[in-house]
Protein backbone atom coordinates (compact mmCIF):
# COMPACT_ATOMS: atom_id res chain seq x y z
CA ILE A 1 -44.04 -73.69 19.79
CA ASP A 2 -43.50 -77.28 20.82
CA TYR A 3 -41.45 -77.66 23.98
CA ALA A 4 -41.02 -81.18 25.35
CA GLY A 5 -44.22 -82.28 23.68
CA HIS A 6 -46.24 -79.27 24.79
CA ASP A 7 -47.40 -76.23 22.88
CA THR A 8 -46.50 -73.08 24.76
CA VAL A 9 -48.04 -69.66 25.15
CA GLY A 10 -46.86 -66.76 27.24
CA ILE A 11 -48.78 -63.82 28.66
CA HIS A 12 -46.78 -60.93 29.97
CA PHE A 13 -48.03 -57.98 31.98
CA THR A 14 -46.63 -54.62 32.89
CA TRP A 15 -48.28 -54.55 36.26
CA GLN A 16 -46.22 -52.40 38.61
CA LYS A 17 -48.87 -49.68 38.77
CA ARG A 18 -51.85 -51.98 39.45
CA PRO A 19 -50.66 -55.36 40.78
CA ALA A 20 -54.01 -56.27 42.34
CA ASP A 21 -55.67 -56.10 38.92
CA VAL A 22 -53.18 -58.52 37.41
CA LEU A 23 -53.21 -60.89 40.39
CA SER A 24 -57.00 -61.09 40.22
CA LEU A 25 -56.70 -62.37 36.64
CA LEU A 26 -54.44 -65.31 37.52
CA PRO A 27 -57.19 -67.77 38.58
CA LEU A 28 -59.14 -66.97 35.40
CA LEU A 29 -56.08 -67.52 33.21
CA ASP A 30 -55.21 -70.75 35.03
CA GLU A 31 -58.76 -72.01 34.44
CA LEU A 32 -58.53 -71.10 30.75
CA PHE A 33 -55.20 -72.87 30.35
CA ALA A 34 -56.42 -75.94 32.25
CA ALA A 35 -59.26 -76.31 29.73
CA SER A 36 -56.55 -76.83 27.10
CA ASP A 37 -54.43 -79.14 29.27
CA GLY A 38 -52.07 -76.25 29.94
CA ARG A 39 -49.76 -75.88 32.89
CA PRO A 40 -47.90 -72.89 34.32
CA HIS A 41 -44.24 -72.04 33.98
CA TRP A 42 -42.41 -72.72 37.25
CA GLY A 43 -40.90 -69.25 37.39
CA LYS A 44 -44.02 -67.25 36.55
CA LEU A 45 -46.92 -66.11 38.67
CA HIS A 46 -50.01 -68.31 38.77
CA SER A 47 -52.66 -69.25 41.30
CA LEU A 48 -52.01 -73.00 41.59
CA GLY A 49 -50.76 -74.73 44.70
CA ALA A 50 -48.84 -77.93 45.38
CA ALA A 51 -51.84 -80.26 44.97
CA GLU A 52 -52.74 -78.87 41.54
CA LEU A 53 -49.13 -78.77 40.35
CA ALA A 54 -48.53 -82.38 41.42
CA LYS A 55 -51.32 -83.44 39.06
CA LEU A 56 -49.85 -81.47 36.15
CA TYR A 57 -46.17 -82.35 36.52
CA PRO A 58 -45.38 -86.09 36.60
CA GLN A 59 -42.08 -85.53 38.45
CA PHE A 60 -43.35 -82.92 40.90
CA ALA A 61 -42.61 -85.06 43.97
CA GLU A 62 -39.06 -85.67 42.78
CA ALA A 63 -38.49 -81.96 42.12
CA ASN A 64 -39.79 -81.11 45.59
CA ALA A 65 -37.53 -83.76 47.14
CA VAL A 66 -34.50 -82.20 45.43
CA ARG A 67 -35.58 -78.78 46.66
CA ARG A 68 -35.87 -80.09 50.22
CA SER A 69 -32.48 -81.82 50.02
CA LEU A 70 -30.79 -78.59 48.94
CA ASP A 71 -32.64 -76.38 51.44
CA PRO A 72 -33.79 -78.63 54.30
CA GLU A 73 -34.47 -75.69 56.63
CA GLY A 74 -36.46 -73.77 54.02
CA ARG A 75 -34.29 -70.67 54.19
CA MET A 76 -34.76 -69.94 50.50
CA MET A 77 -38.54 -70.25 50.68
CA ASN A 78 -40.89 -67.30 50.35
CA PRO A 79 -44.72 -67.17 50.41
CA PHE A 80 -44.99 -67.99 46.70
CA LEU A 81 -42.65 -70.99 46.94
CA ARG A 82 -44.41 -72.25 50.07
CA LYS A 83 -47.66 -72.28 48.11
CA ILE A 84 -46.03 -74.10 45.20
CA PHE A 85 -44.20 -76.74 47.23
CA GLY A 86 -46.56 -77.05 50.17
């Protein structure tokens, strides 16, 4: 599938019974995707942080600025979003 100039692939887990097993796979999957110039979906779990995402998404800084303008006190942030946006 070509989406905005990128081929896409999705991996879906049913992980409720063993979340630690799935979470331990994320760095390996991220490494595999990076070898093919892949990048994660914003709304899906992955192991990348703000520094890595900024390199993959040309408008990352702009997206983060919009996020900050809409939630300047960070009330909508959670641990996952803090990792993503720094």
